[in-house]
Amino acid sequence: MTEGQAAVGSRVLVQDDGSLKINGRQVHLFGIYLPKGNRKCDSSISPIRCASRAASALRFRIQSVVYCENVSKNRDGSLNAICLTSSRGQVFEPRTDLAAFLLERGLAVALPNAPFEYKTLERIARSQGRGFWGFFADSIN
């Protein structure tokens, strides 16, 4: 995946910090910041795995192909991209914007350069006390 190119049908690994690994490249979701410290440990697997709540939510949500459109490149070579996924392999279903998914649940903060829609989703989550704006409920669907 190169800057300005969309990755279609790529295998995606969600990193513990909430970034994605696509074709060996680290990809950050454009327009959002994932606060550190809100970690969740999954004791139903061995060894126990701890990751940010945002990473756990992304692992749950990404059930099929992820489509990313690069927005910019960082100094460390990682990319910032808008990434979408469909529901559980349903190719013809509307795609979910992964950054919007996290913002709606109060698991991310919209950055100053974020699209207006992201800032609105953050305000709604904040007003409804979702995620770190209120208290955490472990339901992420």
C-alpha atoms as a PDB file:
ATOM      1  CA  MET A   1       0.000   0.000   0.000  1.00  0.00           C
ATOM      2  CA  THR A   2       1.559   3.285  -1.021  1.00  0.00           C
ATOM      3  CA  GLU A   3       0.557   6.850  -0.258  1.00  0.00           C
ATOM      4  CA  GLY A   4      -2.520   7.874  -2.240  1.00  0.00           C
ATOM      5  CA  GLN A   5      -3.436   4.281  -3.088  1.00  0.00           C
ATOM      6  CA  ALA A   6      -6.361   2.313  -1.688  1.00  0.00           C
ATOM      7  CA  ALA A   7      -5.734  -1.109  -0.193  1.00  0.00           C
ATOM      8  CA  VAL A   8      -8.496  -3.498  -1.189  1.00  0.00           C
ATOM      9  CA  GLY A   9      -8.802  -7.018   0.143  1.00  0.00           C
ATOM     10  CA  SER A  10      -5.748  -6.777   2.349  1.00  0.00           C
ATOM     11  CA  ARG A  11      -5.234  -8.868   5.449  1.00  0.00           C
ATOM     12  CA  VAL A  12      -5.446  -6.615   8.488  1.00  0.00           C
ATOM     13  CA  LEU A  13      -3.963  -7.096  11.929  1.00  0.00           C
ATOM     14  CA  VAL A  14      -5.120  -4.783  14.701  1.00  0.00           C
ATOM     15  CA  GLN A  15      -2.169  -3.731  16.852  1.00  0.00           C
ATOM     16  CA  ASP A  16      -2.527  -3.312  20.635  1.00  0.00           C
ATOM     17  CA  ASP A  17      -2.288   0.485  20.234  1.00  0.00           C
ATOM     18  CA  GLY A  18      -5.273   0.514  17.838  1.00  0.00           C
ATOM     19  CA  SER A  19      -3.275   0.984  14.650  1.00  0.00           C
ATOM     20  CA  LEU A  20      -3.651  -1.458  11.761  1.00  0.00           C
ATOM     21  CA  LYS A  21      -0.974  -3.522  10.053  1.00  0.00           C
ATOM     22  CA  ILE A  22      -1.810  -3.807   6.345  1.00  0.00           C
ATOM     23  CA  ASN A  23       0.601  -5.452   3.910  1.00  0.00           C
ATOM     24  CA  GLY A  24       3.388  -4.909   6.435  1.00  0.00           C
ATOM     25  CA  ARG A  25       2.666  -1.161   6.793  1.00  0.00           C
ATOM     26  CA  GLN A  26       1.438   0.505   9.968  1.00  0.00           C
ATOM     27  CA  VAL A  27      -1.760   2.471   9.357  1.00  0.00           C
ATOM     28  CA  HIS A  28      -3.348   4.907  11.806  1.00  0.00           C
ATOM     29  CA  LEU A  29      -6.999   5.833  11.443  1.00  0.00           C
ATOM     30  CA  PHE A  30      -7.109   9.373  10.087  1.00  0.00           C
ATOM     31  CA  GLY A  31      -8.667  12.156  12.147  1.00  0.00           C
ATOM     32  CA  ILE A  32      -8.731  10.474  15.542  1.00  0.00           C
ATOM     33  CA  TYR A  33      -6.588  10.082  18.627  1.00  0.00           C
ATOM     34  CA  LEU A  34      -6.799   6.961  20.777  1.00  0.00           C
ATOM     35  CA  PRO A  35      -6.148   7.895  24.422  1.00  0.00           C
ATOM     36  CA  LYS A  36      -3.714   5.666  26.247  1.00  0.00           C
ATOM     37  CA  GLY A  37      -4.532   4.019  29.508  1.00  0.00           C
ATOM     38  CA  ASN A  38      -7.989   2.650  28.778  1.00  0.00           C
ATOM     39  CA  ARG A  39      -6.899  -0.979  28.575  1.00  0.00           C
ATOM     40  CA  LYS A  40      -8.930  -4.150  28.672  1.00  0.00           C
ATOM     41  CA  CYS A  41      -7.573  -7.631  29.318  1.00  0.00           C
ATOM     42  CA  ASP A  42      -9.134 -10.709  27.752  1.00  0.00           C
ATOM     43  CA  SER A  43      -8.766 -13.600  30.200  1.00  0.00           C
ATOM     44  CA  SER A  44     -10.814 -15.976  28.039  1.00  0.00           C
ATOM     45  CA  ILE A  45      -7.719 -16.683  25.944  1.00  0.00           C
ATOM     46  CA  SER A  46      -4.327 -18.005  26.890  1.00  0.00           C
ATOM     47  CA  PRO A  47      -2.023 -16.235  27.266  1.00  0.00           C
ATOM     48  CA  ILE A  48      -4.113 -13.334  28.553  1.00  0.00           C
ATOM     49  CA  ARG A  49      -3.997 -10.437  26.096  1.00  0.00           C
ATOM     50  CA  CYS A  50      -4.256  -6.808  27.128  1.00  0.00           C
ATOM     51  CA  ALA A  51      -4.881  -4.018  24.644  1.00  0.00           C
ATOM     52  CA  SER A  52      -6.576  -0.658  24.451  1.00  0.00           C
ATOM     53  CA  ARG A  53     -10.359  -0.782  24.462  1.00  0.00           C
ATOM     54  CA  ALA A  54     -10.242   0.764  20.997  1.00  0.00           C
ATOM     55  CA  ALA A  55      -8.056  -2.097  19.720  1.00  0.00           C
ATOM     56  CA  SER A  56     -10.403  -4.660  21.290  1.00  0.00           C
ATOM     57  CA  ALA A  57     -13.399  -2.975  19.644  1.00  0.00           C
ATOM     58  CA  LEU A  58     -11.645  -2.936  16.257  1.00  0.00           C
ATOM     59  CA  ARG A  59     -10.736  -6.632  16.536  1.00  0.00           C
ATOM     60  CA  PHE A  60     -14.391  -7.380  17.246  1.00  0.00           C
ATOM     61  CA  ARG A  61     -15.681  -5.175  14.400  1.00  0.00           C
ATOM     62  CA  ILE A  62     -13.277  -6.207  11.637  1.00  0.00           C
ATOM     63  CA  GLN A  63     -14.729  -9.476  10.379  1.00  0.00           C
ATOM     64  CA  SER A  64     -13.872  -9.129   6.706  1.00  0.00           C
ATOM     65  CA  VAL A  65     -11.958  -7.056   4.196  1.00  0.00           C
ATOM     66  CA  VAL A  66     -10.787  -3.555   5.141  1.00  0.00           C
ATOM     67  CA  TYR A  67     -10.627  -0.846   2.492  1.00  0.00           C
ATOM     68  CA  CYS A  68      -8.295   2.075   3.244  1.00  0.00           C
ATOM     69  CA  GLU A  69      -7.642   5.298   1.397  1.00  0.00           C
ATOM     70  CA  ASN A  70      -4.406   6.970   2.421  1.00  0.00           C
ATOM     71  CA  VAL A  71      -4.569  10.586   3.494  1.00  0.00           C
ATOM     72  CA  SER A  72      -0.992  11.274   4.588  1.00  0.00           C
ATOM     73  CA  LYS A  73       2.337   9.750   5.541  1.00  0.00           C
ATOM     74  CA  ASN A  74       4.054  10.221   8.906  1.00  0.00           C
ATOM     75  CA  ARG A  75       7.763  10.823   9.472  1.00  0.00           C
ATOM     76  CA  ASP A  76       8.198   7.273  10.748  1.00  0.00           C
ATOM     77  CA  GLY A  77       6.818   5.871   7.471  1.00  0.00           C
ATOM     78  CA  SER A  78       3.418   4.923   8.881  1.00  0.00           C
ATOM     79  CA  LEU A  79       0.296   6.078   7.088  1.00  0.00           C
ATOM     80  CA  ASN A  80      -2.879   7.903   8.094  1.00  0.00           C
ATOM     81  CA  ALA A  81      -5.899   6.553   6.258  1.00  0.00           C
ATOM     82  CA  ILE A  82      -9.667   6.467   6.221  1.00  0.00           C
ATOM     83  CA  CYS A  83     -10.549   2.786   6.575  1.00  0.00           C
ATOM     84  CA  LEU A  84     -13.897   1.086   5.983  1.00  0.00           C
ATOM     85  CA  THR A  85     -15.100  -2.462   6.500  1.00  0.00           C
ATOM     86  CA  SER A  86     -18.300  -4.342   5.741  1.00  0.00           C
ATOM     87  CA  SER A  87     -20.242  -6.490   8.194  1.00  0.00           C
ATOM     88  CA  ARG A  88     -19.047 -10.035   8.656  1.00  0.00           C
ATOM     89  CA  GLY A  89     -18.182 -10.634   5.021  1.00  0.00           C
ATOM     90  CA  GLN A  90     -21.318  -9.001   3.609  1.00  0.00           C
ATOM     91  CA  VAL A  91     -19.775  -7.428   0.515  1.00  0.00           C
ATOM     92  CA  PHE A  92     -22.912  -5.545  -0.545  1.00  0.00           C
ATOM     93  CA  GLU A  93     -23.744  -4.140   2.900  1.00  0.00           C
ATOM     94  CA  PRO A  94     -22.915  -0.511   3.636  1.00  0.00           C
ATOM     95  CA  ARG A  95     -19.358  -0.167   4.897  1.00  0.00           C
ATOM     96  CA  THR A  96     -18.514   1.082   8.374  1.00  0.00           C
ATOM     97  CA  ASP A  97     -15.939   3.842   8.824  1.00  0.00           C
ATOM     98  CA  LEU A  98     -13.681   2.450  11.550  1.00  0.00           C
ATOM     99  CA  ALA A  99     -12.783   5.864  13.004  1.00  0.00           C
ATOM    100  CA  ALA A 100     -16.487   6.776  13.200  1.00  0.00           C
ATOM    101  CA  PHE A 101     -17.158   3.406  14.853  1.00  0.00           C
ATOM    102  CA  LEU A 102     -14.697   4.265  17.653  1.00  0.00           C
ATOM    103  CA  LEU A 103     -15.907   7.851  18.020  1.00  0.00           C
ATOM    104  CA  GLU A 104     -19.542   6.716  18.383  1.00  0.00           C
ATOM    105  CA  ARG A 105     -18.536   4.488  21.280  1.00  0.00           C
ATOM    106  CA  GLY A 106     -16.459   7.135  23.056  1.00  0.00           C
ATOM    107  CA  LEU A 107     -13.216   5.244  22.424  1.00  0.00           C
ATOM    108  CA  ALA A 108     -11.499   7.978  20.392  1.00  0.00           C
ATOM    109  CA  VAL A 109     -11.182  11.756  20.228  1.00  0.00           C
ATOM    110  CA  ALA A 110     -11.567  13.726  17.001  1.00  0.00           C
ATOM    111  CA  LEU A 111      -8.416  15.637  16.056  1.00  0.00           C
ATOM    112  CA  PRO A 112      -8.537  19.295  14.947  1.00  0.00           C
ATOM    113  CA  ASN A 113      -8.076  18.254  11.281  1.00  0.00           C
ATOM    114  CA  ALA A 114     -10.826  15.614  11.477  1.00  0.00           C
ATOM    115  CA  PRO A 115     -13.875  15.790   9.213  1.00  0.00           C
ATOM    116  CA  PHE A 116     -16.878  17.644  10.654  1.00  0.00           C
ATOM    117  CA  GLU A 117     -18.772  14.342  10.969  1.00  0.00           C
ATOM    118  CA  TYR A 118     -16.090  12.950  13.298  1.00  0.00           C
ATOM    119  CA  LYS A 119     -16.284  15.990  15.556  1.00  0.00           C
ATOM    120  CA  THR A 120     -20.069  15.637  15.679  1.00  0.00           C
ATOM    121  CA  LEU A 121     -19.834  11.943  16.601  1.00  0.00           C
ATOM    122  CA  GLU A 122     -17.427  12.813  19.413  1.00  0.00           C
ATOM    123  CA  ARG A 123     -19.809  15.481  20.769  1.00  0.00           C
ATOM    124  CA  ILE A 124     -22.712  13.016  20.730  1.00  0.00           C
ATOM    125  CA  ALA A 125     -20.682  10.335  22.560  1.00  0.00           C
ATOM    126  CA  ARG A 126     -19.552  12.926  25.107  1.00  0.00           C
ATOM    127  CA  SER A 127     -23.097  14.208  25.705  1.00  0.00           C
ATOM    128  CA  GLN A 128     -24.374  10.642  26.164  1.00  0.00           C
ATOM    129  CA  GLY A 129     -21.513   9.647  28.482  1.00  0.00           C
ATOM    130  CA  ARG A 130     -20.215   6.855  26.266  1.00  0.00           C
ATOM    131  CA  GLY A 131     -16.783   5.257  26.635  1.00  0.00           C
ATOM    132  CA  PHE A 132     -14.256   7.356  28.470  1.00  0.00           C
ATOM    133  CA  TRP A 133     -16.761  10.252  28.587  1.00  0.00           C
ATOM    134  CA  GLY A 134     -18.747   8.230  31.113  1.00  0.00           C
ATOM    135  CA  PHE A 135     -18.164   4.703  32.249  1.00  0.00           C
ATOM    136  CA  PHE A 136     -17.053   1.658  30.303  1.00  0.00           C
ATOM    137  CA  ALA A 137     -19.444  -1.097  29.444  1.00  0.00           C
ATOM    138  CA  ASP A 138     -17.781  -4.096  27.867  1.00  0.00           C
ATOM    139  CA  SER A 139     -20.365  -4.391  25.114  1.00  0.00           C
ATOM    140  CA  ILE A 140     -18.801  -3.125  21.876  1.00  0.00           C
ATOM    141  CA  ASN A 141     -21.331  -4.185  19.253  1.00  0.00           C
END
